[in-house]
Amino acid sequence: MMTFLRGREGAWVVALAAVAALRVFLLSAAFPLFSNVDEHLHIDAVLKYARGYLPTPDNVGYEPEMGRLLGLYGSPEFLLPASGPGARTPPPPPWRRSSEAMLRSIERGEAFFARRTNLEAMQPPAYYALAGLWLRVGRLLGLQGGALLYWLRGLGTVLVSALVMASYGFLRDIYPEDAFMRLGVPVLLCVFPMDVFCYVTSDALSPLVAGIGFFLALRLIDPRQQGRCRSHAVVAVMMALAFLSKYTNVALLAACGLCTAIALRLRPEARRLHGEGGCLLGMWAFIAASCGAWLLRNLLVFGDLTGTAYKIERMGWGRKPLALYLDHPLFTISGVRTFFGELIPLFWRGELAWYREPVASSLADGVYTVTTVVFVVLAAWGIGRAARPRTARLAEAVALFAVLTAVAILAGLSLPYVFHEKSNPSAQLPYFIQGRLISGVLVPFLLLYVRGVAVATSHLPTARVAAIASWVCLLAVACVAVVSEVWLHWVVVTSEYNLFHLP
């Protein structure tokens, strides 16, 4: 089992996975509970699924214990202004106050949820079902209260370490002679500052299931996999899980469709129903049936396929007529610049805030933006420019297709709605630029990024010099991510509301 982790490289990958898990654990523990990225909605949805919930229009109210949990463990540090009107030193945590003050805090939490409904409760179920099982395990271990919620956050450490190891296992097959490519992606995954693993959110599962689905879909192109229906079955399961984790992961289903089309084009035997063609047909039948069953249920229960009409209505977004789509700023040069200028940093580092200020560095954001544009463009340019194994070139082409499709989905979602001033997206910034929404293309993106580094150094005098330069460049970016993350998050460690200060 996991024989690919044997040997010196395997030991390095296990170490990288351990570092990734430690990094996520420390950040998860340092930030207080109920982050600004709607964590209370996701925690409530997990509590619902832990008791066997299925969404219906009449059961989207918050769970009874949410008021107590928010009152006891919620921190005002996310939303308090750092200066100006309303700025103040946060009070001590409720567990350090008098019993009367603690009771008042719980009552405020209960009043907050009593008049609200959970707008995430109708979203795809895969992450919430998995996290609900993880929560039940925590309860079996005797955890409760704040410790149980931090245990729930701890699921991110498992997901990120599994992602590091799984990525190396697949990349070893794609790049058997290229150590930089098969190790470069795990190195970046180890330190990548995307924060979705650090708090409770449905976006945390997408990188793993969509990443594995992406790699398995690539195997459909490999002639060595012909006739292996077990492999096709795993592709089907992963693609269904990706879609049922986040609808925007339909970009990975599109990439799987491209792999299927390439396989049919390259190998005549893949068109025979009595052989590999039957496996492909069964794979797509399973994907269609599992995803279609959830969409049909939404249509019957909520009246729309995705179950998002209620959420959109409650958020106050209006609908544009089709004729007005072209009036969107995305169809201007400045709009495109704004869209990508905001999306790229948010994809890298996420949206966590502290005292209403993004946990961000303009210098690090600049490095992320510039290097992303340069290296992805170089990777795209290099796909057909060098005599390399067809498997590697096809993998990079499919990765590029997946990333561009995911970005196109966010751009397309920005067009139909009229946003108001206080929503996100807003009337001032009418774009879906939340990188977490396309976290499912993290692995394809990093594959392109690392390949872009290799292309940038490929014209150096010797292969050894090029390899050294590639590693220096990649490790420099990794250092920027690590140093900026430590510097930006150091103040959070001192919060009296985090795991290190729980009673």
Protein backbone atom coordinates (compact mmCIF):
# COMPACT_ATOMS: atom_id res chain seq x y z
CA MET A 1 0.00 0.00 0.00
CA MET A 2 1.39 3.42 -1.02
CA THR A 3 4.59 1.76 -2.22
CA PHE A 4 5.37 4.96 -4.15
CA LEU A 5 6.41 6.53 -0.82
CA ARG A 6 9.33 4.16 -0.40
CA GLY A 7 12.89 5.30 -0.93
CA ARG A 8 14.53 8.70 -0.45
CA GLU A 9 12.00 10.66 -2.51
CA GLY A 10 9.14 8.97 -0.72
CA ALA A 11 10.62 9.95 2.63
CA TRP A 12 10.88 13.56 1.47
CA VAL A 13 7.25 13.52 0.37
CA VAL A 14 6.10 12.12 3.73
CA ALA A 15 8.08 14.90 5.41
CA LEU A 16 6.43 17.48 3.15
CA ALA A 17 3.00 16.07 3.98
CA ALA A 18 3.81 16.27 7.69
CA VAL A 19 4.97 19.89 7.34
CA ALA A 20 1.80 20.75 5.41
CA ALA A 21 -0.34 19.18 8.13
CA LEU A 22 1.61 20.99 10.87
CA ARG A 23 1.25 24.32 9.06
CA VAL A 24 -2.50 23.89 8.68
CA PHE A 25 -2.88 22.75 12.29
CA LEU A 26 -1.01 25.76 13.65
CA LEU A 27 -3.04 28.21 11.57
CA SER A 28 -6.30 26.45 12.44
CA ALA A 29 -5.41 26.62 16.12
CA ALA A 30 -4.20 30.24 16.01
CA PHE A 31 -7.36 31.69 14.48
CA PRO A 32 -10.36 31.95 16.81
CA LEU A 33 -13.55 30.16 15.87
CA PHE A 34 -16.23 31.55 13.56
CA SER A 35 -14.00 33.26 11.02
CA ASN A 36 -15.20 36.04 8.74
CA VAL A 37 -15.55 33.63 5.76
CA ASP A 38 -19.03 32.42 6.79
CA GLU A 39 -17.61 29.73 9.05
CA HIS A 40 -20.74 29.74 11.23
CA LEU A 41 -22.83 28.67 8.22
CA HIS A 42 -20.54 25.74 7.47
CA ILE A 43 -20.28 24.63 11.11
CA ASP A 44 -24.06 24.62 11.35
CA ALA A 45 -24.35 22.59 8.12
CA VAL A 46 -21.89 20.03 9.53
CA LEU A 47 -23.91 19.79 12.74
CA LYS A 48 -26.99 19.17 10.63
CA TYR A 49 -25.38 16.38 8.59
CA ALA A 50 -23.94 14.83 11.75
CA ARG A 51 -27.51 14.16 12.88
CA GLY A 52 -28.60 12.78 9.48
CA TYR A 53 -29.87 15.94 7.82
CA LEU A 54 -31.12 16.28 4.25
CA PRO A 55 -32.02 19.78 3.09
CA THR A 56 -35.64 20.82 2.70
CA PRO A 57 -37.19 24.31 2.62
CA ASP A 58 -38.52 24.00 6.18
CA ASN A 59 -35.36 22.91 8.00
CA VAL A 60 -32.77 25.52 7.09
CA GLY A 61 -32.88 27.25 10.47
CA TYR A 62 -29.78 27.07 12.64
CA GLU A 63 -29.16 24.19 15.03
CA PRO A 64 -30.14 24.91 18.67
CA GLU A 65 -26.56 24.60 19.95
CA MET A 66 -25.18 27.20 17.52
CA GLY A 67 -26.20 30.13 19.73
CA ARG A 68 -24.36 28.70 22.71
CA LEU A 69 -21.27 27.87 20.63
CA LEU A 70 -21.13 31.36 19.10
CA GLY A 71 -21.76 33.02 22.44
CA LEU A 72 -19.00 31.07 24.18
CA TYR A 73 -16.32 30.78 21.49
CA GLY A 74 -16.99 33.41 18.82
CA SER A 75 -14.36 36.14 18.61
CA PRO A 76 -15.13 39.80 17.80
CA GLU A 77 -11.56 40.20 16.47
CA PHE A 78 -12.53 39.33 12.91
CA LEU A 79 -15.03 42.16 12.55
CA LEU A 80 -13.99 44.84 15.04
CA PRO A 81 -12.52 47.89 13.29
CA ALA A 82 -8.81 48.34 13.94
CA SER A 83 -9.16 52.13 14.25
CA GLY A 84 -11.69 54.91 13.98
CA PRO A 85 -15.30 54.82 15.24
CA GLY A 86 -16.12 51.57 16.97
CA ALA A 87 -12.49 50.59 17.53
CA ARG A 88 -11.96 49.06 20.96
CA THR A 89 -10.05 46.38 22.77
CA PRO A 90 -12.02 43.12 22.64
CA PRO A 91 -13.32 41.91 26.01
CA PRO A 92 -11.90 38.76 27.58
CA PRO A 93 -13.37 35.48 26.28
CA PRO A 94 -16.70 34.54 27.88
CA TRP A 95 -15.14 31.63 29.78
CA ARG A 96 -12.97 34.18 31.65
CA ARG A 97 -15.88 36.45 32.58
CA SER A 98 -18.52 36.18 35.27
CA SER A 99 -21.34 33.68 34.89
CA GLU A 100 -23.77 36.56 34.26
CA ALA A 101 -21.62 37.99 31.47
CA MET A 102 -21.23 34.53 29.96
CA LEU A 103 -24.99 34.03 30.00
CA ARG A 104 -25.55 37.37 28.26
CA SER A 105 -23.03 36.42 25.56
CA ILE A 106 -24.85 33.13 24.97
CA GLU A 107 -28.19 34.93 24.80
CA ARG A 108 -26.79 37.30 22.18
CA GLY A 109 -25.59 34.31 20.15
CA GLU A 110 -29.01 32.69 20.38
CA ALA A 111 -30.74 35.93 19.36
CA PHE A 112 -28.37 36.25 16.37
CA PHE A 113 -29.33 32.84 14.98
CA ALA A 114 -33.01 32.94 15.96
CA ARG A 115 -33.85 35.38 13.17
CA ARG A 116 -31.65 33.87 10.45
CA THR A 117 -31.57 30.88 8.14
CA ASN A 118 -28.50 29.02 6.94
CA LEU A 119 -27.90 29.92 3.29
CA GLU A 120 -25.35 27.09 2.92
CA ALA A 121 -27.67 24.35 4.17
CA MET A 122 -28.89 23.56 0.64
CA GLN A 123 -25.46 23.35 -0.97
CA PRO A 124 -23.85 20.12 -2.27
CA PRO A 125 -23.52 17.51 0.49
CA ALA A 126 -20.15 15.73 0.08
CA TYR A 127 -18.01 17.86 2.40
CA TYR A 128 -20.72 18.24 5.02
CA ALA A 129 -21.38 14.49 5.10
CA LEU A 130 -17.66 13.74 5.52
CA ALA A 131 -17.20 16.47 8.12
CA GLY A 132 -20.32 15.23 9.94
CA LEU A 133 -18.71 11.78 10.27
CA TRP A 134 -15.47 13.42 11.44
CA LEU A 135 -17.47 15.38 14.05
CA ARG A 136 -19.10 12.20 15.31
CA VAL A 137 -15.67 10.61 15.71
CA GLY A 138 -14.64 13.63 17.80
CA ARG A 139 -17.68 13.17 20.01
CA LEU A 140 -16.84 9.49 20.46
CA LEU A 141 -13.41 10.63 21.65
CA GLY A 142 -15.12 12.73 24.31
CA LEU A 143 -14.58 16.14 22.73
CA GLN A 144 -17.15 18.88 23.14
CA GLY A 145 -17.58 22.62 22.93
CA GLY A 146 -14.66 24.58 21.52
CA ALA A 147 -12.35 21.56 21.48
CA LEU A 148 -14.85 19.71 19.26
CA LEU A 149 -15.02 22.64 16.82
CA TYR A 150 -11.24 22.76 16.58
CA TRP A 151 -11.29 19.01 15.99
CA LEU A 152 -13.66 19.75 13.12
CA ARG A 153 -11.16 22.24 11.73
CA GLY A 154 -8.52 19.55 12.09
CA LEU A 155 -10.04 17.68 9.16
CA GLY A 156 -8.09 20.14 6.99
CA THR A 157 -4.78 18.68 8.23
CA VAL A 158 -5.82 15.24 6.97
CA LEU A 159 -7.01 16.59 3.63
CA VAL A 160 -3.87 18.63 2.90
CA SER A 161 -1.42 15.88 3.86
CA ALA A 162 -3.33 13.37 1.74
CA LEU A 163 -3.24 15.84 -1.16
CA VAL A 164 0.54 16.21 -0.96
CA MET A 165 1.15 12.45 -0.99
CA ALA A 166 -1.46 11.64 -3.62
CA SER A 167 -0.13 14.34 -5.97
CA TYR A 168 3.37 12.91 -5.80
CA GLY A 169 2.09 9.39 -6.45
CA PHE A 170 0.38 10.43 -9.67
CA LEU A 171 3.10 12.83 -10.81
CA ARG A 172 5.68 10.08 -10.50
CA ASP A 173 3.86 8.21 -13.26
CA ILE A 174 3.49 11.30 -15.47
CA TYR A 175 7.07 12.54 -15.02
CA PRO A 176 9.20 9.45 -14.29
CA GLU A 177 12.36 11.18 -15.55
CA ASP A 178 11.68 14.70 -14.24
CA ALA A 179 12.30 15.07 -10.51
CA PHE A 180 11.55 18.80 -10.57
CA MET A 181 8.02 18.29 -11.86
CA ARG A 182 7.10 15.36 -9.61
CA LEU A 183 8.54 17.02 -6.47
CA GLY A 184 7.93 20.68 -7.28
CA VAL A 185 4.15 20.40 -6.99
CA PRO A 186 4.26 18.72 -3.53
CA VAL A 187 6.77 21.36 -2.36
CA LEU A 188 4.41 24.18 -3.32
CA LEU A 189 1.40 22.33 -1.92
CA CYS A 190 3.24 22.07 1.37
CA VAL A 191 3.47 25.85 1.80
CA PHE A 192 0.71 27.13 -0.48
CA PRO A 193 -1.05 29.83 1.57
CA MET A 194 -4.61 28.99 0.44
CA ASP A 195 -6.51 29.18 3.73
CA VAL A 196 -9.49 26.91 3.00
CA PHE A 197 -7.86 24.08 4.96
CA CYS A 198 -7.62 26.25 8.08
CA TYR A 199 -11.30 26.76 8.94
CA VAL A 200 -14.56 24.90 8.42
CA THR A 201 -15.68 25.34 4.82
CA SER A 202 -17.02 23.15 2.04
CA ASP A 203 -14.19 24.42 -0.18
CA ALA A 204 -11.65 22.34 1.78
CA LEU A 205 -12.57 18.99 0.17
CA SER A 206 -12.37 20.12 -3.45
CA PRO A 207 -8.57 20.21 -3.86
CA LEU A 208 -8.25 16.55 -2.82
CA VAL A 209 -11.17 14.89 -4.60
CA ALA A 210 -10.92 17.09 -7.68
CA GLY A 211 -7.13 16.72 -7.75
CA ILE A 212 -7.32 12.93 -7.58
CA GLY A 213 -10.11 12.97 -10.16
CA PHE A 214 -7.94 15.11 -12.44
CA PHE A 215 -5.00 12.70 -12.26
CA LEU A 216 -7.21 9.65 -12.75
CA ALA A 217 -8.89 11.30 -15.73
CA LEU A 218 -5.44 11.73 -17.27
CA ARG A 219 -5.01 7.97 -17.07
CA LEU A 220 -7.90 7.58 -19.50
CA ILE A 221 -5.47 8.82 -22.15
CA ASP A 222 -2.79 6.31 -21.16
CA PRO A 223 -2.93 3.21 -23.39
CA ARG A 224 -1.65 1.13 -20.47
CA GLN A 225 -5.00 1.69 -18.73
CA GLN A 226 -7.18 0.34 -21.54
CA GLY A 227 -9.78 -2.13 -20.42
CA ARG A 228 -9.17 -1.46 -16.70
CA CYS A 229 -12.72 -0.77 -15.62
CA ARG A 230 -11.74 -0.51 -11.95
CA SER A 231 -9.74 2.61 -12.77
CA HIS A 232 -12.69 4.07 -14.67
CA ALA A 233 -14.93 3.37 -11.68
CA VAL A 234 -12.65 5.35 -9.37
CA VAL A 235 -12.63 8.24 -11.86
CA ALA A 236 -16.43 8.22 -11.79
CA VAL A 237 -16.57 8.28 -7.99
CA MET A 238 -14.04 11.11 -7.69
CA MET A 239 -15.68 13.23 -10.35
CA ALA A 240 -19.08 12.77 -8.71
CA LEU A 241 -17.61 13.68 -5.31
CA ALA A 242 -15.97 16.77 -6.82
CA PHE A 243 -19.25 17.99 -8.29
CA LEU A 244 -21.12 17.16 -5.08
CA SER A 245 -18.55 19.15 -3.11
CA LYS A 246 -18.79 22.34 -5.17
CA TYR A 247 -20.75 23.06 -8.33
CA THR A 248 -17.84 25.03 -9.79
CA ASN A 249 -15.92 21.74 -9.93
CA VAL A 250 -17.86 21.13 -13.12
CA ALA A 251 -14.62 22.44 -14.64
CA LEU A 252 -13.03 19.10 -13.68
CA LEU A 253 -15.90 17.21 -15.28
CA ALA A 254 -15.22 19.19 -18.44
CA ALA A 255 -11.53 18.19 -18.19
CA CYS A 256 -12.59 14.57 -17.77
CA GLY A 257 -14.73 14.94 -20.89
CA LEU A 258 -11.71 16.25 -22.76
CA CYS A 259 -9.65 13.25 -21.61
CA THR A 260 -12.42 10.94 -22.76
CA ALA A 261 -12.51 12.62 -26.18
CA ILE A 262 -8.71 12.34 -26.49
CA ALA A 263 -8.82 8.66 -25.57
CA LEU A 264 -11.49 8.00 -28.19
CA ARG A 265 -9.49 9.94 -30.74
CA LEU A 266 -6.15 8.26 -30.09
CA ARG A 267 -7.24 4.68 -29.52
CA PRO A 268 -9.80 2.94 -31.74
CA GLU A 269 -10.18 0.17 -29.15
CA ALA A 270 -11.62 2.77 -26.74
CA ARG A 271 -14.67 2.99 -29.03
CA ARG A 272 -15.66 -0.65 -28.62
CA LEU A 273 -18.49 -1.20 -26.18
CA HIS A 274 -17.30 -4.72 -25.43
CA GLY A 275 -13.98 -3.37 -24.18
CA GLU A 276 -12.77 -0.05 -22.91
CA GLY A 277 -15.68 1.79 -24.54
CA GLY A 278 -18.05 0.01 -22.18
CA CYS A 279 -15.94 1.14 -19.20
CA LEU A 280 -16.07 4.74 -20.41
CA LEU A 281 -19.81 4.55 -20.96
CA GLY A 282 -20.33 3.10 -17.48
CA MET A 283 -18.12 5.80 -15.98
CA TRP A 284 -20.15 8.61 -17.50
CA ALA A 285 -23.43 6.86 -16.68
CA PHE A 286 -22.42 6.77 -13.00
CA ILE A 287 -21.36 10.43 -13.02
CA ALA A 288 -24.60 11.46 -14.70
CA ALA A 289 -26.73 9.34 -12.39
CA SER A 290 -25.13 10.46 -9.11
CA CYS A 291 -24.94 14.16 -9.99
CA GLY A 292 -28.30 14.07 -11.73
CA ALA A 293 -29.99 12.47 -8.71
CA TRP A 294 -28.90 15.37 -6.49
CA LEU A 295 -29.95 17.98 -9.07
CA LEU A 296 -33.31 16.27 -9.58
CA ARG A 297 -33.87 16.22 -5.84
CA ASN A 298 -33.14 19.95 -5.70
CA LEU A 299 -35.62 20.56 -8.50
CA LEU A 300 -38.35 18.55 -6.77
CA VAL A 301 -37.73 19.93 -3.29
CA PHE A 302 -36.62 23.53 -3.93
CA GLY A 303 -37.87 24.20 -7.44
CA ASP A 304 -34.46 24.78 -9.05
CA LEU A 305 -31.67 22.43 -10.05
CA THR A 306 -28.90 23.77 -7.84
CA GLY A 307 -30.97 24.81 -4.83
CA THR A 308 -29.40 28.29 -4.92
CA ALA A 309 -32.47 30.34 -5.88
CA TYR A 310 -33.42 30.77 -2.21
CA LYS A 311 -29.89 31.90 -1.34
CA ILE A 312 -29.78 34.40 -4.21
CA GLU A 313 -33.17 35.78 -3.22
CA ARG A 314 -32.15 36.22 0.43
CA MET A 315 -28.92 37.93 -0.57
CA GLY A 316 -30.93 40.47 -2.53
CA TRP A 317 -29.33 39.93 -5.92
CA GLY A 318 -31.36 40.95 -8.93
CA ARG A 319 -31.35 39.29 -12.35
CA LYS A 320 -30.24 41.05 -15.50
CA PRO A 321 -31.92 40.49 -18.85
CA LEU A 322 -29.62 38.70 -21.27
CA ALA A 323 -29.31 41.83 -23.42
CA LEU A 324 -27.52 43.65 -20.58
CA TYR A 325 -24.80 41.04 -19.99
CA LEU A 326 -22.45 42.83 -22.36
CA ASP A 327 -22.64 45.96 -20.20
CA HIS A 328 -20.62 44.20 -17.51
CA PRO A 329 -17.13 45.70 -16.87
CA LEU A 330 -15.61 42.30 -17.63
CA PHE A 331 -15.94 43.29 -21.28
CA THR A 332 -13.49 46.15 -20.78
CA ILE A 333 -9.72 46.08 -20.44
CA SER A 334 -9.85 47.67 -16.99
CA GLY A 335 -12.49 45.17 -15.90
CA VAL A 336 -10.38 42.20 -17.01
CA ARG A 337 -7.38 43.69 -15.21
CA THR A 338 -9.42 44.13 -12.03
CA PHE A 339 -10.89 40.63 -12.26
CA PHE A 340 -7.54 38.86 -12.56
CA GLY A 341 -5.77 41.33 -10.27
CA GLU A 342 -8.19 40.42 -7.47
CA LEU A 343 -8.75 36.74 -8.28
CA ILE A 344 -5.12 35.62 -8.37
CA PRO A 345 -4.12 36.85 -4.86
CA LEU A 346 -7.37 35.55 -3.37
CA PHE A 347 -6.77 32.16 -4.98
CA TRP A 348 -3.31 32.03 -3.41
CA ARG A 349 -3.99 33.31 0.11
CA GLY A 350 -7.75 33.30 0.65
CA GLU A 351 -10.05 35.77 2.37
CA LEU A 352 -9.37 35.61 6.11
CA ALA A 353 -9.46 39.02 7.77
CA TRP A 354 -8.33 40.31 11.14
CA TYR A 355 -9.91 43.45 12.57
CA ARG A 356 -11.66 43.92 9.22
CA GLU A 357 -8.35 44.01 7.37
CA PRO A 358 -7.39 41.23 4.92
CA VAL A 359 -4.58 39.04 6.20
CA ALA A 360 -2.47 40.01 3.20
CA SER A 361 0.80 41.54 2.10
CA SER A 362 0.86 43.72 -1.00
CA LEU A 363 4.42 42.54 -1.71
CA ALA A 364 3.48 38.86 -1.51
CA ASP A 365 0.30 39.48 -3.55
CA GLY A 366 2.43 41.12 -6.21
CA VAL A 367 4.75 38.12 -6.33
CA TYR A 368 1.79 35.74 -6.60
CA THR A 369 0.15 37.76 -9.37
CA VAL A 370 3.21 38.39 -11.51
CA THR A 371 4.62 34.88 -11.24
CA THR A 372 1.22 33.32 -11.92
CA VAL A 373 0.76 35.26 -15.14
CA VAL A 374 4.34 34.65 -16.30
CA PHE A 375 4.62 30.96 -15.44
CA VAL A 376 1.14 29.93 -16.61
CA VAL A 377 1.70 31.71 -19.93
CA LEU A 378 5.12 30.04 -20.28
CA ALA A 379 3.62 26.65 -19.44
CA ALA A 380 0.94 27.13 -22.11
CA TRP A 381 3.55 28.25 -24.63
CA GLY A 382 5.77 25.27 -23.82
CA ILE A 383 3.15 22.54 -24.25
CA GLY A 384 3.87 22.04 -27.92
CA ARG A 385 7.32 23.62 -28.14
CA ALA A 386 9.57 20.81 -26.93
CA ALA A 387 10.15 17.16 -27.73
CA ARG A 388 8.78 15.68 -24.54
CA PRO A 389 6.70 12.58 -23.72
CA ARG A 390 3.16 12.83 -25.01
CA THR A 391 1.75 11.90 -21.59
CA ALA A 392 3.35 14.95 -19.98
CA ARG A 393 2.24 17.33 -22.75
CA LEU A 394 -1.32 16.06 -22.65
CA ALA A 395 -1.39 16.37 -18.85
CA GLU A 396 -0.35 20.01 -19.09
CA ALA A 397 -2.86 20.70 -21.86
CA VAL A 398 -5.69 19.22 -19.80
CA ALA A 399 -4.52 21.16 -16.73
CA LEU A 400 -4.60 24.38 -18.73
CA PHE A 401 -8.10 23.55 -19.98
CA ALA A 402 -9.32 22.86 -16.43
CA VAL A 403 -7.90 26.11 -15.03
CA LEU A 404 -9.23 28.25 -17.88
CA THR A 405 -12.64 26.59 -17.61
CA ALA A 406 -12.79 27.26 -13.86
CA VAL A 407 -11.88 30.93 -14.38
CA ALA A 408 -14.44 31.19 -17.19
CA ILE A 409 -17.10 29.81 -14.82
CA LEU A 410 -16.39 32.57 -12.28
CA ALA A 411 -16.46 35.16 -15.04
CA GLY A 412 -19.73 33.76 -16.39
CA LEU A 413 -21.32 33.74 -12.92
CA SER A 414 -20.48 37.43 -12.58
CA LEU A 415 -22.63 38.44 -15.55
CA PRO A 416 -26.30 37.62 -14.73
CA TYR A 417 -26.70 39.37 -11.37
CA VAL A 418 -27.23 42.88 -10.09
CA PHE A 419 -25.34 43.02 -6.80
CA HIS A 420 -26.07 45.51 -4.04
CA GLU A 421 -23.53 47.64 -2.19
CA LYS A 422 -23.01 45.46 0.89
CA SER A 423 -22.94 42.02 -0.72
CA ASN A 424 -19.93 40.05 -1.91
CA PRO A 425 -19.69 40.42 -4.94
CA SER A 426 -20.83 44.01 -4.66
CA ALA A 427 -22.09 46.78 -6.93
CA GLN A 428 -18.61 48.33 -6.77
CA LEU A 429 -16.77 45.06 -7.47
CA PRO A 430 -19.27 42.93 -9.47
CA TYR A 431 -17.05 39.89 -9.95
CA PHE A 432 -16.87 36.43 -8.45
CA ILE A 433 -13.22 36.69 -7.44
CA GLN A 434 -13.28 34.36 -4.43
CA GLY A 435 -10.47 31.95 -5.31
CA ARG A 436 -11.79 29.36 -2.85
CA LEU A 437 -14.72 28.76 -5.20
CA ILE A 438 -12.31 27.15 -7.68
CA SER A 439 -10.04 25.46 -5.15
CA GLY A 440 -10.71 22.25 -7.08
CA VAL A 441 -8.20 23.34 -9.75
CA LEU A 442 -5.40 23.85 -7.22
CA VAL A 443 -3.45 20.82 -8.42
CA PRO A 444 -3.84 21.55 -12.17
CA PHE A 445 -2.81 25.15 -11.47
CA LEU A 446 0.32 24.14 -9.57
CA LEU A 447 1.20 21.66 -12.31
CA LEU A 448 1.16 24.55 -14.80
CA TYR A 449 2.98 26.87 -12.42
CA VAL A 450 5.84 24.45 -11.81
CA ARG A 451 6.04 23.64 -15.51
CA GLY A 452 6.24 27.37 -16.24
CA VAL A 453 9.25 27.63 -13.92
CA ALA A 454 10.91 24.79 -15.84
CA VAL A 455 10.23 26.47 -19.18
CA ALA A 456 11.63 29.77 -17.90
CA THR A 457 14.97 28.12 -17.04
CA SER A 458 15.13 25.64 -19.91
CA HIS A 459 17.38 27.82 -22.11
CA LEU A 460 20.23 27.96 -19.61
CA PRO A 461 23.55 26.45 -20.80
CA THR A 462 23.28 22.98 -19.23
CA ALA A 463 20.54 20.77 -17.82
CA ARG A 464 22.19 20.86 -14.38
CA VAL A 465 22.29 24.65 -14.31
CA ALA A 466 18.67 24.78 -15.49
CA ALA A 467 17.60 22.35 -12.74
CA ILE A 468 19.40 24.37 -10.06
CA ALA A 469 17.86 27.60 -11.34
CA SER A 470 14.41 26.02 -11.37
CA TRP A 471 14.69 24.92 -7.75
CA VAL A 472 16.08 28.29 -6.68
CA CYS A 473 13.15 30.07 -8.34
CA LEU A 474 10.55 27.71 -6.89
CA LEU A 475 12.03 27.81 -3.39
CA ALA A 476 12.18 31.60 -3.55
CA VAL A 477 8.44 31.73 -4.16
CA ALA A 478 7.93 29.20 -1.35
CA CYS A 479 10.01 31.39 0.96
CA VAL A 480 7.86 34.42 0.10
CA ALA A 481 4.77 32.40 1.02
CA VAL A 482 6.23 31.12 4.30
CA VAL A 483 7.78 34.40 5.47
CA SER A 484 4.72 36.49 4.62
CA GLU A 485 2.42 33.96 6.29
CA VAL A 486 4.45 33.91 9.51
CA TRP A 487 4.70 37.70 9.56
CA LEU A 488 1.01 38.25 8.85
CA HIS A 489 -0.31 35.63 11.25
CA TRP A 490 1.96 36.23 14.19
CA VAL A 491 -0.47 38.70 15.79
CA VAL A 492 -3.26 36.11 15.59
CA VAL A 493 -1.37 33.70 17.85
CA THR A 494 -1.78 36.11 20.77
CA SER A 495 -5.60 36.08 20.56
CA GLU A 496 -7.16 34.98 23.84
CA TYR A 497 -9.99 33.35 21.88
CA ASN A 498 -7.96 30.69 20.03
CA LEU A 499 -7.23 27.02 20.78
CA PHE A 500 -4.14 27.83 22.82
CA HIS A 501 -6.26 29.71 25.36
CA LEU A 502 -9.33 27.46 25.62
CA PRO A 503 -10.17 26.34 29.15
